[in-house]
PDB file of N, CA and C in Angstrom:
ATOM      1  N   MET A   1      41.480  92.271 -34.004  1.00  0.00           N
ATOM      2  CA  MET A   1      40.073  91.978 -33.783  1.00  0.00           C
ATOM      3  C   MET A   1      39.957  90.646 -33.035  1.00  0.00           C
ATOM      4  N   VAL A   2      39.215  90.645 -31.964  1.00  0.00           N
ATOM      5  CA  VAL A   2      39.067  89.456 -31.121  1.00  0.00           C
ATOM      6  C   VAL A   2      38.415  88.316 -31.886  1.00  0.00           C
ATOM      7  N   ALA A   3      37.357  88.609 -32.637  1.00  0.00           N
ATOM      8  CA  ALA A   3      36.635  87.553 -33.356  1.00  0.00           C
ATOM      9  C   ALA A   3      37.549  86.836 -34.342  1.00  0.00           C
ATOM     10  N   GLU A   4      38.402  87.570 -35.039  1.00  0.00           N
ATOM     11  CA  GLU A   4      39.315  86.954 -35.999  1.00  0.00           C
ATOM     12  C   GLU A   4      40.324  86.056 -35.291  1.00  0.00           C
ATOM     13  N   LYS A   5      40.793  86.474 -34.139  1.00  0.00           N
ATOM     14  CA  LYS A   5      41.742  85.674 -33.365  1.00  0.00           C
ATOM     15  C   LYS A   5      41.098  84.362 -32.913  1.00  0.00           C
ATOM     16  N   VAL A   6      39.872  84.445 -32.438  1.00  0.00           N
ATOM     17  CA  VAL A   6      39.147  83.251 -32.009  1.00  0.00           C
ATOM     18  C   VAL A   6      38.898  82.335 -33.206  1.00  0.00           C
ATOM     19  N   PHE A   7      38.485  82.926 -34.320  1.00  0.00           N
ATOM     20  CA  PHE A   7      38.212  82.137 -35.519  1.00  0.00           C
ATOM     21  C   PHE A   7      39.479  81.439 -36.005  1.00  0.00           C
ATOM     22  N   SER A   8      40.601  82.126 -35.925  1.00  0.00           N
ATOM     23  CA  SER A   8      41.880  81.544 -36.335  1.00  0.00           C
ATOM     24  C   SER A   8      42.218  80.335 -35.465  1.00  0.00           C
ATOM     25  N   GLN A   9      41.973  80.445 -34.171  1.00  0.00           N
ATOM     26  CA  GLN A   9      42.238  79.330 -33.258  1.00  0.00           C
ATOM     27  C   GLN A   9      41.320  78.144 -33.547  1.00  0.00           C
ATOM     28  N   LEU A  10      40.054  78.418 -33.836  1.00  0.00           N
ATOM     29  CA  LEU A  10      39.121  77.342 -34.188  1.00  0.00           C
ATOM     30  C   LEU A  10      39.568  76.633 -35.463  1.00  0.00           C
ATOM     31  N   ARG A  11      39.960  77.421 -36.467  1.00  0.00           N
ATOM     32  CA  ARG A  11      40.410  76.847 -37.740  1.00  0.00           C
ATOM     33  C   ARG A  11      41.649  75.990 -37.507  1.00  0.00           C
ATOM     34  N   ARG A  12      42.585  76.497 -36.740  1.00  0.00           N
ATOM     35  CA  ARG A  12      43.826  75.764 -36.465  1.00  0.00           C
ATOM     36  C   ARG A  12      43.526  74.438 -35.765  1.00  0.00           C
ATOM     37  N   GLY A  13      42.565  74.434 -34.852  1.00  0.00           N
ATOM     38  CA  GLY A  13      42.245  73.228 -34.106  1.00  0.00           C
ATOM     39  C   GLY A  13      41.455  72.186 -34.879  1.00  0.00           C
ATOM     40  N   THR A  14      40.836  72.604 -35.961  1.00  0.00           N
ATOM     41  CA  THR A  14      39.997  71.668 -36.720  1.00  0.00           C
ATOM     42  C   THR A  14      40.543  71.313 -38.096  1.00  0.00           C
ATOM     43  N   LEU A  15      41.578  72.004 -38.546  1.00  0.00           N
ATOM     44  CA  LEU A  15      42.086  71.816 -39.902  1.00  0.00           C
ATOM     45  C   LEU A  15      42.490  70.371 -40.187  1.00  0.00           C
ATOM     46  N   GLU A  16      43.162  69.723 -39.235  1.00  0.00           N
ATOM     47  CA  GLU A  16      43.608  68.354 -39.501  1.00  0.00           C
ATOM     48  C   GLU A  16      42.429  67.408 -39.727  1.00  0.00           C
ATOM     49  N   TYR A  17      41.328  67.660 -39.049  1.00  0.00           N
ATOM     50  CA  TYR A  17      40.156  66.795 -39.231  1.00  0.00           C
ATOM     51  C   TYR A  17      39.446  67.097 -40.547  1.00  0.00           C
ATOM     52  N   CYS A  18      39.503  68.335 -40.975  1.00  0.00           N
ATOM     53  CA  CYS A  18      38.959  68.671 -42.294  1.00  0.00           C
ATOM     54  C   CYS A  18      39.778  67.983 -43.386  1.00  0.00           C
ATOM     55  N   VAL A  19      41.090  67.940 -43.206  1.00  0.00           N
ATOM     56  CA  VAL A  19      41.959  67.234 -44.159  1.00  0.00           C
ATOM     57  C   VAL A  19      41.632  65.740 -44.153  1.00  0.00           C
ATOM     58  N   LEU A  20      41.512  65.156 -42.963  1.00  0.00           N
ATOM     59  CA  LEU A  20      41.165  63.729 -42.892  1.00  0.00           C
ATOM     60  C   LEU A  20      39.817  63.453 -43.556  1.00  0.00           C
ATOM     61  N   ALA A  21      38.869  64.365 -43.400  1.00  0.00           N
ATOM     62  CA  ALA A  21      37.559  64.191 -44.037  1.00  0.00           C
ATOM     63  C   ALA A  21      37.684  64.196 -45.553  1.00  0.00           C
ATOM     64  N   LEU A  22      38.557  65.033 -46.082  1.00  0.00           N
ATOM     65  CA  LEU A  22      38.753  65.083 -47.536  1.00  0.00           C
ATOM     66  C   LEU A  22      39.430  63.827 -48.067  1.00  0.00           C
ATOM     67  N   LEU A  23      40.081  63.079 -47.183  1.00  0.00           N
ATOM     68  CA  LEU A  23      40.807  61.879 -47.601  1.00  0.00           C
ATOM     69  C   LEU A  23      40.039  60.583 -47.338  1.00  0.00           C
ATOM     70  N   GLN A  24      38.787  60.679 -46.986  1.00  0.00           N
ATOM     71  CA  GLN A  24      37.995  59.482 -46.694  1.00  0.00           C
ATOM     72  C   GLN A  24      37.581  58.778 -47.985  1.00  0.00           C
ATOM     73  N   ASP A  25      37.049  57.594 -47.838  1.00  0.00           N
ATOM     74  CA  ASP A  25      36.553  56.789 -48.968  1.00  0.00           C
ATOM     75  C   ASP A  25      37.652  56.508 -49.982  1.00  0.00           C
ATOM     76  N   ASP A  26      38.852  56.223 -49.484  1.00  0.00           N
ATOM     77  CA  ASP A  26      40.007  55.896 -50.329  1.00  0.00           C
ATOM     78  C   ASP A  26      40.331  56.996 -51.333  1.00  0.00           C
ATOM     79  N   GLU A  27      39.943  58.215 -51.013  1.00  0.00           N
ATOM     80  CA  GLU A  27      40.256  59.357 -51.869  1.00  0.00           C
ATOM     81  C   GLU A  27      41.734  59.698 -51.725  1.00  0.00           C
ATOM     82  N   GLN A  28      42.463  59.680 -52.827  1.00  0.00           N
ATOM     83  CA  GLN A  28      43.872  60.068 -52.817  1.00  0.00           C
ATOM     84  C   GLN A  28      43.986  61.470 -53.398  1.00  0.00           C
ATOM     85  N   ARG A  29      44.676  62.338 -52.684  1.00  0.00           N
ATOM     86  CA  ARG A  29      44.865  63.711 -53.146  1.00  0.00           C
ATOM     87  C   ARG A  29      46.288  64.143 -52.852  1.00  0.00           C
ATOM     88  N   TYR A  30      46.803  65.003 -53.714  1.00  0.00           N
ATOM     89  CA  TYR A  30      48.108  65.585 -53.408  1.00  0.00           C
ATOM     90  C   TYR A  30      47.894  66.921 -52.712  1.00  0.00           C
ATOM     91  N   GLY A  31      48.950  67.442 -52.116  1.00  0.00           N
ATOM     92  CA  GLY A  31      48.835  68.599 -51.242  1.00  0.00           C
ATOM     93  C   GLY A  31      48.125  69.788 -51.847  1.00  0.00           C
ATOM     94  N   PHE A  32      48.496  70.166 -53.073  1.00  0.00           N
ATOM     95  CA  PHE A  32      47.878  71.355 -53.659  1.00  0.00           C
ATOM     96  C   PHE A  32      46.381  71.147 -53.900  1.00  0.00           C
ATOM     97  N   GLU A  33      45.972  69.914 -54.212  1.00  0.00           N
ATOM     98  CA  GLU A  33      44.527  69.626 -54.349  1.00  0.00           C
ATOM     99  C   GLU A  33      43.808  69.876 -53.027  1.00  0.00           C
ATOM    100  N   LEU A  34      44.444  69.512 -51.919  1.00  0.00           N
ATOM    101  CA  LEU A  34      43.844  69.741 -50.605  1.00  0.00           C
ATOM    102  C   LEU A  34      43.742  71.232 -50.307  1.00  0.00           C
ATOM    103  N   VAL A  35      44.778  71.990 -50.652  1.00  0.00           N
ATOM    104  CA  VAL A  35      44.739  73.442 -50.453  1.00  0.00           C
ATOM    105  C   VAL A  35      43.575  74.036 -51.237  1.00  0.00           C
ATOM    106  N   LYS A  36      43.412  73.621 -52.494  1.00  0.00           N
ATOM    107  CA  LYS A  36      42.310  74.138 -53.320  1.00  0.00           C
ATOM    108  C   LYS A  36      40.956  73.746 -52.751  1.00  0.00           C
ATOM    109  N   ALA A  37      40.806  72.494 -52.325  1.00  0.00           N
ATOM    110  CA  ALA A  37      39.520  72.029 -51.777  1.00  0.00           C
ATOM    111  C   ALA A  37      39.168  72.800 -50.506  1.00  0.00           C
ATOM    112  N   LEU A  38      40.140  73.010 -49.633  1.00  0.00           N
ATOM    113  CA  LEU A  38      39.882  73.764 -48.409  1.00  0.00           C
ATOM    114  C   LEU A  38      39.570  75.224 -48.728  1.00  0.00           C
ATOM    115  N   GLY A  39      40.223  75.761 -49.728  1.00  0.00           N
ATOM    116  CA  GLY A  39      39.999  77.147 -50.125  1.00  0.00           C
ATOM    117  C   GLY A  39      38.616  77.413 -50.670  1.00  0.00           C
ATOM    118  N   GLN A  40      37.929  76.363 -51.100  1.00  0.00           N
ATOM    119  CA  GLN A  40      36.579  76.514 -51.626  1.00  0.00           C
ATOM    120  C   GLN A  40      35.529  76.563 -50.522  1.00  0.00           C
ATOM    121  N   VAL A  41      35.946  76.325 -49.292  1.00  0.00           N
ATOM    122  CA  VAL A  41      35.042  76.337 -48.143  1.00  0.00           C
ATOM    123  C   VAL A  41      35.273  77.619 -47.362  1.00  0.00           C
ATOM    124  N   ASP A  42      34.231  78.407 -47.174  1.00  0.00           N
ATOM    125  CA  ASP A  42      34.347  79.671 -46.469  1.00  0.00           C
ATOM    126  C   ASP A  42      34.972  79.467 -45.090  1.00  0.00           C
ATOM    127  N   GLY A  43      36.036  80.191 -44.816  1.00  0.00           N
ATOM    128  CA  GLY A  43      36.679  80.129 -43.515  1.00  0.00           C
ATOM    129  C   GLY A  43      37.801  79.122 -43.401  1.00  0.00           C
ATOM    130  N   LEU A  44      38.001  78.287 -44.414  1.00  0.00           N
ATOM    131  CA  LEU A  44      39.052  77.269 -44.325  1.00  0.00           C
ATOM    132  C   LEU A  44      40.217  77.527 -45.266  1.00  0.00           C
ATOM    133  N   VAL A  45      40.291  78.708 -45.842  1.00  0.00           N
ATOM    134  CA  VAL A  45      41.386  79.033 -46.737  1.00  0.00           C
ATOM    135  C   VAL A  45      42.700  78.839 -45.990  1.00  0.00           C
ATOM    136  N   THR A  46      43.611  78.120 -46.605  1.00  0.00           N
ATOM    137  CA  THR A  46      44.909  77.856 -46.002  1.00  0.00           C
ATOM    138  C   THR A  46      45.963  77.908 -47.095  1.00  0.00           C
ATOM    139  N   THR A  47      47.212  77.831 -46.691  1.00  0.00           N
ATOM    140  CA  THR A  47      48.311  77.879 -47.644  1.00  0.00           C
ATOM    141  C   THR A  47      49.078  76.567 -47.620  1.00  0.00           C
ATOM    142  N   GLU A  48      49.895  76.380 -48.644  1.00  0.00           N
ATOM    143  CA  GLU A  48      50.740  75.198 -48.670  1.00  0.00           C
ATOM    144  C   GLU A  48      51.708  75.200 -47.489  1.00  0.00           C
ATOM    145  N   GLY A  49      52.134  76.397 -47.060  1.00  0.00           N
ATOM    146  CA  GLY A  49      53.044  76.519 -45.929  1.00  0.00           C
ATOM    147  C   GLY A  49      52.436  76.044 -44.622  1.00  0.00           C
ATOM    148  N   THR A  50      51.131  76.070 -44.525  1.00  0.00           N
ATOM    149  CA  THR A  50      50.432  75.537 -43.356  1.00  0.00           C
ATOM    150  C   THR A  50      50.129  74.057 -43.542  1.00  0.00           C
ATOM    151  N   LEU A  51      49.729  73.698 -44.748  1.00  0.00           N
ATOM    152  CA  LEU A  51      49.233  72.338 -44.984  1.00  0.00           C
ATOM    153  C   LEU A  51      50.336  71.279 -44.999  1.00  0.00           C
ATOM    154  N   TYR A  52      51.457  71.546 -45.648  1.00  0.00           N
ATOM    155  CA  TYR A  52      52.476  70.500 -45.768  1.00  0.00           C
ATOM    156  C   TYR A  52      53.071  70.067 -44.425  1.00  0.00           C
ATOM    157  N   PRO A  53      53.353  70.977 -43.507  1.00  0.00           N
ATOM    158  CA  PRO A  53      53.793  70.505 -42.178  1.00  0.00           C
ATOM    159  C   PRO A  53      52.712  69.681 -41.464  1.00  0.00           C
ATOM    160  N   LEU A  54      51.459  70.058 -41.644  1.00  0.00           N
ATOM    161  CA  LEU A  54      50.353  69.293 -41.058  1.00  0.00           C
ATOM    162  C   LEU A  54      50.311  67.890 -41.651  1.00  0.00           C
ATOM    163  N   LEU A  55      50.432  67.780 -42.970  1.00  0.00           N
ATOM    164  CA  LEU A  55      50.426  66.467 -43.622  1.00  0.00           C
ATOM    165  C   LEU A  55      51.607  65.622 -43.156  1.00  0.00           C
ATOM    166  N   ALA A  56      52.763  66.238 -42.973  1.00  0.00           N
ATOM    167  CA  ALA A  56      53.938  65.496 -42.485  1.00  0.00           C
ATOM    168  C   ALA A  56      53.677  64.953 -41.083  1.00  0.00           C
ATOM    169  N   ARG A  57      53.060  65.762 -40.239  1.00  0.00           N
ATOM    170  CA  ARG A  57      52.740  65.305 -38.876  1.00  0.00           C
ATOM    171  C   ARG A  57      51.727  64.168 -38.912  1.00  0.00           C
ATOM    172  N   LEU A  58      50.685  64.303 -39.738  1.00  0.00           N
ATOM    173  CA  LEU A  58      49.677  63.243 -39.851  1.00  0.00           C
ATOM    174  C   LEU A  58      50.315  61.940 -40.335  1.00  0.00           C
ATOM    175  N   ARG A  59      51.293  62.051 -41.229  1.00  0.00           N
ATOM    176  CA  ARG A  59      51.994  60.863 -41.723  1.00  0.00           C
ATOM    177  C   ARG A  59      52.819  60.234 -40.608  1.00  0.00           C
ATOM    178  N   ARG A  60      53.559  61.055 -39.855  1.00  0.00           N
ATOM    179  CA  ARG A  60      54.358  60.530 -38.734  1.00  0.00           C
ATOM    180  C   ARG A  60      53.479  59.852 -37.692  1.00  0.00           C
ATOM    181  N   GLU A  61      52.281  60.383 -37.478  1.00  0.00           N
ATOM    182  CA  GLU A  61      51.359  59.823 -36.486  1.00  0.00           C
ATOM    183  C   GLU A  61      50.583  58.626 -37.016  1.00  0.00           C
ATOM    184  N   GLY A  62      50.792  58.255 -38.276  1.00  0.00           N
ATOM    185  CA  GLY A  62      50.126  57.097 -38.851  1.00  0.00           C
ATOM    186  C   GLY A  62      48.675  57.337 -39.240  1.00  0.00           C
ATOM    187  N   LEU A  63      48.279  58.601 -39.374  1.00  0.00           N
ATOM    188  CA  LEU A  63      46.885  58.908 -39.727  1.00  0.00           C
ATOM    189  C   LEU A  63      46.668  59.005 -41.224  1.00  0.00           C
ATOM    190  N   VAL A  64      47.762  59.191 -41.983  1.00  0.00           N
ATOM    191  CA  VAL A  64      47.686  59.174 -43.442  1.00  0.00           C
ATOM    192  C   VAL A  64      48.845  58.352 -43.981  1.00  0.00           C
ATOM    193  N   ASP A  65      48.618  57.768 -45.142  1.00  0.00           N
ATOM    194  CA  ASP A  65      49.662  57.086 -45.907  1.00  0.00           C
ATOM    195  C   ASP A  65      49.965  57.947 -47.118  1.00  0.00           C
ATOM    196  N   THR A  66      51.157  57.745 -47.678  1.00  0.00           N
ATOM    197  CA  THR A  66      51.525  58.494 -48.873  1.00  0.00           C
ATOM    198  C   THR A  66      52.095  57.552 -49.919  1.00  0.00           C
ATOM    199  N   VAL A  67      51.985  57.999 -51.147  1.00  0.00           N
ATOM    200  CA  VAL A  67      52.584  57.295 -52.265  1.00  0.00           C
ATOM    201  C   VAL A  67      53.018  58.350 -53.282  1.00  0.00           C
ATOM    202  N   TRP A  68      54.200  58.136 -53.867  1.00  0.00           N
ATOM    203  CA  TRP A  68      54.689  59.037 -54.909  1.00  0.00           C
ATOM    204  C   TRP A  68      54.193  58.540 -56.253  1.00  0.00           C
ATOM    205  N   ARG A  69      53.682  59.464 -57.066  1.00  0.00           N
ATOM    206  CA  ARG A  69      53.237  59.113 -58.416  1.00  0.00           C
ATOM    207  C   ARG A  69      53.767  60.137 -59.402  1.00  0.00           C
ATOM    208  N   GLU A  70      54.083  59.656 -60.583  1.00  0.00           N
ATOM    209  CA  GLU A  70      54.538  60.554 -61.645  1.00  0.00           C
ATOM    210  C   GLU A  70      53.415  61.507 -62.023  1.00  0.00           C
ATOM    211  N   SER A  71      53.803  62.705 -62.412  1.00  0.00           N
ATOM    212  CA  SER A  71      52.849  63.722 -62.843  1.00  0.00           C
ATOM    213  C   SER A  71      53.043  63.977 -64.328  1.00  0.00           C
ATOM    214  N   GLU A  72      51.944  64.222 -65.018  1.00  0.00           N
ATOM    215  CA  GLU A  72      52.031  64.537 -66.443  1.00  0.00           C
ATOM    216  C   GLU A  72      52.544  65.952 -66.667  1.00  0.00           C
ATOM    217  N   SER A  73      52.490  66.778 -65.638  1.00  0.00           N
ATOM    218  CA  SER A  73      52.840  68.185 -65.813  1.00  0.00           C
ATOM    219  C   SER A  73      53.914  68.660 -64.838  1.00  0.00           C
ATOM    220  N   GLY A  74      54.936  67.849 -64.610  1.00  0.00           N
ATOM    221  CA  GLY A  74      55.999  68.281 -63.712  1.00  0.00           C
ATOM    222  C   GLY A  74      56.590  67.132 -62.931  1.00  0.00           C
ATOM    223  N   PRO A  75      57.174  67.455 -61.783  1.00  0.00           N
ATOM    224  CA  PRO A  75      57.829  66.419 -60.972  1.00  0.00           C
ATOM    225  C   PRO A  75      56.810  65.472 -60.336  1.00  0.00           C
ATOM    226  N   PRO A  76      57.294  64.342 -59.821  1.00  0.00           N
ATOM    227  CA  PRO A  76      56.379  63.411 -59.136  1.00  0.00           C
ATOM    228  C   PRO A  76      55.675  64.112 -57.971  1.00  0.00           C
ATOM    229  N   ARG A  77      54.480  63.620 -57.666  1.00  0.00           N
ATOM    230  CA  ARG A  77      53.686  64.195 -56.584  1.00  0.00           C
ATOM    231  C   ARG A  77      53.460  63.153 -55.502  1.00  0.00           C
ATOM    232  N   ARG A  78      53.412  63.641 -54.275  1.00  0.00           N
ATOM    233  CA  ARG A  78      53.094  62.766 -53.147  1.00  0.00           C
ATOM    234  C   ARG A  78      51.592  62.831 -52.932  1.00  0.00           C
ATOM    235  N   TYR A  79      50.943  61.678 -53.022  1.00  0.00           N
ATOM    236  CA  TYR A  79      49.495  61.591 -52.809  1.00  0.00           C
ATOM    237  C   TYR A  79      49.242  61.041 -51.410  1.00  0.00           C
ATOM    238  N   TYR A  80      48.207  61.569 -50.782  1.00  0.00           N
ATOM    239  CA  TYR A  80      47.855  61.220 -49.406  1.00  0.00           C
ATOM    240  C   TYR A  80      46.517  60.510 -49.382  1.00  0.00           C
ATOM    241  N   THR A  81      46.398  59.557 -48.475  1.00  0.00           N
ATOM    242  CA  THR A  81      45.130  58.879 -48.225  1.00  0.00           C
ATOM    243  C   THR A  81      45.039  58.583 -46.734  1.00  0.00           C
ATOM    244  N   SER A  82      43.836  58.527 -46.214  1.00  0.00           N
ATOM    245  CA  SER A  82      43.638  58.257 -44.795  1.00  0.00           C
ATOM    246  C   SER A  82      43.899  56.787 -44.493  1.00  0.00           C
ATOM    247  N   THR A  83      44.456  56.535 -43.324  1.00  0.00           N
ATOM    248  CA  THR A  83      44.625  55.161 -42.842  1.00  0.00           C
ATOM    249  C   THR A  83      43.407  54.795 -41.984  1.00  0.00           C
ATOM    250  N   ALA A  84      43.365  53.564 -41.527  1.00  0.00           N
ATOM    251  CA  ALA A  84      42.296  53.158 -40.604  1.00  0.00           C
ATOM    252  C   ALA A  84      42.363  53.998 -39.331  1.00  0.00           C
ATOM    253  N   ALA A  85      43.575  54.286 -38.867  1.00  0.00           N
ATOM    254  CA  ALA A  85      43.722  55.129 -37.674  1.00  0.00           C
ATOM    255  C   ALA A  85      43.226  56.549 -37.947  1.00  0.00           C
ATOM    256  N   GLY A  86      43.449  57.051 -39.158  1.00  0.00           N
ATOM    257  CA  GLY A  86      42.953  58.372 -39.524  1.00  0.00           C
ATOM    258  C   GLY A  86      41.440  58.413 -39.560  1.00  0.00           C
ATOM    259  N   THR A  87      40.842  57.357 -40.085  1.00  0.00           N
ATOM    260  CA  THR A  87      39.383  57.262 -40.128  1.00  0.00           C
ATOM    261  C   THR A  87      38.807  57.197 -38.717  1.00  0.00           C
ATOM    262  N   ALA A  88      39.457  56.435 -37.843  1.00  0.00           N
ATOM    263  CA  ALA A  88      39.000  56.338 -36.453  1.00  0.00           C
ATOM    264  C   ALA A  88      39.148  57.680 -35.729  1.00  0.00           C
ATOM    265  N   ALA A  89      40.258  58.376 -35.971  1.00  0.00           N
ATOM    266  CA  ALA A  89      40.462  59.692 -35.341  1.00  0.00           C
ATOM    267  C   ALA A  89      39.394  60.678 -35.798  1.00  0.00           C
ATOM    268  N   LEU A  90      39.060  60.642 -37.080  1.00  0.00           N
ATOM    269  CA  LEU A  90      38.016  61.527 -37.606  1.00  0.00           C
ATOM    270  C   LEU A  90      36.665  61.192 -36.985  1.00  0.00           C
ATOM    271  N   ALA A  91      36.336  59.916 -36.875  1.00  0.00           N
ATOM    272  CA  ALA A  91      35.060  59.511 -36.279  1.00  0.00           C
ATOM    273  C   ALA A  91      34.966  59.980 -34.829  1.00  0.00           C
ATOM    274  N   ALA A  92      36.053  59.847 -34.074  1.00  0.00           N
ATOM    275  CA  ALA A  92      36.063  60.302 -32.681  1.00  0.00           C
ATOM    276  C   ALA A  92      35.914  61.821 -32.608  1.00  0.00           C
ATOM    277  N   PHE A  93      36.580  62.526 -33.508  1.00  0.00           N
ATOM    278  CA  PHE A  93      36.464  63.983 -33.534  1.00  0.00           C
ATOM    279  C   PHE A  93      35.031  64.412 -33.822  1.00  0.00           C
ATOM    280  N   ILE A  94      34.381  63.752 -34.756  1.00  0.00           N
ATOM    281  CA  ILE A  94      33.004  64.115 -35.114  1.00  0.00           C
ATOM    282  C   ILE A  94      32.086  63.996 -33.905  1.00  0.00           C
ATOM    283  N   VAL A  95      32.237  62.931 -33.124  1.00  0.00           N
ATOM    284  CA  VAL A  95      31.432  62.763 -31.913  1.00  0.00           C
ATOM    285  C   VAL A  95      31.705  63.906 -30.939  1.00  0.00           C
ATOM    286  N   ASP A  96      32.987  64.188 -30.707  1.00  0.00           N
ATOM    287  CA  ASP A  96      33.347  65.270 -29.779  1.00  0.00           C
ATOM    288  C   ASP A  96      32.896  66.628 -30.305  1.00  0.00           C
ATOM    289  N   TRP A  97      33.043  66.852 -31.603  1.00  0.00           N
ATOM    290  CA  TRP A  97      32.651  68.127 -32.205  1.00  0.00           C
ATOM    291  C   TRP A  97      31.153  68.361 -32.070  1.00  0.00           C
ATOM    292  N   GLU A  98      30.369  67.334 -32.346  1.00  0.00           N
ATOM    293  CA  GLU A  98      28.912  67.490 -32.237  1.00  0.00           C
ATOM    294  C   GLU A  98      28.502  67.814 -30.804  1.00  0.00           C
ATOM    295  N   ARG A  99      29.138  67.153 -29.844  1.00  0.00           N
ATOM    296  CA  ARG A  99      28.837  67.430 -28.437  1.00  0.00           C
ATOM    297  C   ARG A  99      29.260  68.858 -28.073  1.00  0.00           C
ATOM    298  N   PHE A 100      30.452  69.248 -28.469  1.00  0.00           N
ATOM    299  CA  PHE A 100      30.972  70.581 -28.179  1.00  0.00           C
ATOM    300  C   PHE A 100      30.108  71.658 -28.844  1.00  0.00           C
ATOM    301  N   ARG A 101      29.813  71.462 -30.113  1.00  0.00           N
ATOM    302  CA  ARG A 101      28.992  72.436 -30.849  1.00  0.00           C
ATOM    303  C   ARG A 101      27.619  72.571 -30.199  1.00  0.00           C
ATOM    304  N   GLY A 102      27.031  71.456 -29.805  1.00  0.00           N
ATOM    305  CA  GLY A 102      25.733  71.492 -29.136  1.00  0.00           C
ATOM    306  C   GLY A 102      25.790  72.240 -27.820  1.00  0.00           C
ATOM    307  N   SER A 103      26.872  72.039 -27.077  1.00  0.00           N
ATOM    308  CA  SER A 103      27.031  72.742 -25.795  1.00  0.00           C
ATOM    309  C   SER A 103      27.158  74.241 -26.005  1.00  0.00           C
ATOM    310  N   VAL A 104      27.977  74.636 -26.966  1.00  0.00           N
ATOM    311  CA  VAL A 104      28.150  76.071 -27.240  1.00  0.00           C
ATOM    312  C   VAL A 104      26.844  76.671 -27.741  1.00  0.00           C
ATOM    313  N   ASP A 105      26.175  75.985 -28.651  1.00  0.00           N
ATOM    314  CA  ASP A 105      24.885  76.476 -29.152  1.00  0.00           C
ATOM    315  C   ASP A 105      23.893  76.649 -28.011  1.00  0.00           C
ATOM    316  N   SER A 106      23.911  75.722 -27.074  1.00  0.00           N
ATOM    317  CA  SER A 106      22.994  75.797 -25.941  1.00  0.00           C
ATOM    318  C   SER A 106      23.269  77.029 -25.067  1.00  0.00           C
ATOM    319  N   VAL A 107      24.538  77.255 -24.789  1.00  0.00           N
ATOM    320  CA  VAL A 107      24.914  78.398 -23.976  1.00  0.00           C
ATOM    321  C   VAL A 107      24.577  79.717 -24.703  1.00  0.00           C
ATOM    322  N   LEU A 108      24.784  79.743 -26.005  1.00  0.00           N
ATOM    323  CA  LEU A 108      24.499  80.944 -26.783  1.00  0.00           C
ATOM    324  C   LEU A 108      23.015  81.121 -27.068  1.00  0.00           C
ATOM    325  N   GLY A 109      22.211  80.125 -26.719  1.00  0.00           N
ATOM    326  CA  GLY A 109      20.770  80.212 -26.942  1.00  0.00           C
ATOM    327  C   GLY A 109      20.382  79.915 -28.379  1.00  0.00           C
ATOM    328  N   LEU A 110      21.237  79.238 -29.114  1.00  0.00           N
ATOM    329  CA  LEU A 110      20.933  78.885 -30.502  1.00  0.00           C
ATOM    330  C   LEU A 110      20.304  77.511 -30.540  1.00  0.00           C
ATOM    331  N   ARG A 111      19.408  77.335 -31.449  1.00  0.00           N
ATOM    332  CA  ARG A 111      18.789  76.015 -31.637  1.00  0.00           C
ATOM    333  C   ARG A 111      18.949  75.632 -33.088  1.00  0.00           C
ATOM    334  N   ARG A 112      19.282  74.393 -33.289  1.00  0.00           N
ATOM    335  CA  ARG A 112      19.385  73.886 -34.655  1.00  0.00           C
ATOM    336  C   ARG A 112      18.237  72.930 -34.895  1.00  0.00           C
ATOM    337  N   SER A 113      17.634  73.056 -36.043  1.00  0.00           N
ATOM    338  CA  SER A 113      16.577  72.106 -36.397  1.00  0.00           C
ATOM    339  C   SER A 113      17.223  70.913 -37.073  1.00  0.00           C
ATOM    340  N   ARG A 114      16.731  69.755 -36.741  1.00  0.00           N
ATOM    341  CA  ARG A 114      17.281  68.527 -37.347  1.00  0.00           C
ATOM    342  C   ARG A 114      16.227  67.826 -38.113  1.00  0.00           C
TER     343      ARG A 114
END
C-alpha cells in the first residue's frame, strides 16, 4: 500500500525528534520507557530494535547524554537525557516542520485554525 510506505518514511524521518522531545526538561528515560511512550501515540509505535540504534547514533552525535543507574528489578539501565545540542536540534526541527507542514497543508487545500 502506497500510503503505508509514505507513512513509514515520515515516521522514520521524524522519530529522532520525537525522542528528543520526550527527553526535554531534564527528563531522564531509559530505552524501554521511550518505546512505551512512543507506542502510546498513534502512528509512532516502534520497537526496541529500531530505538536502540537510534539512541546510540544520537549519543555519538552529542544530542543525548547517558548515565547508567542500578535497577530495582534487574540489571543496570542506561538512562538518556537531551543535551543542549539536542535541544537546539529539536528547536530547529520544529521551525522546519511547521514550515513544511504549512506548505503541504496549503498545497492540499487544508486550513488549520489557530
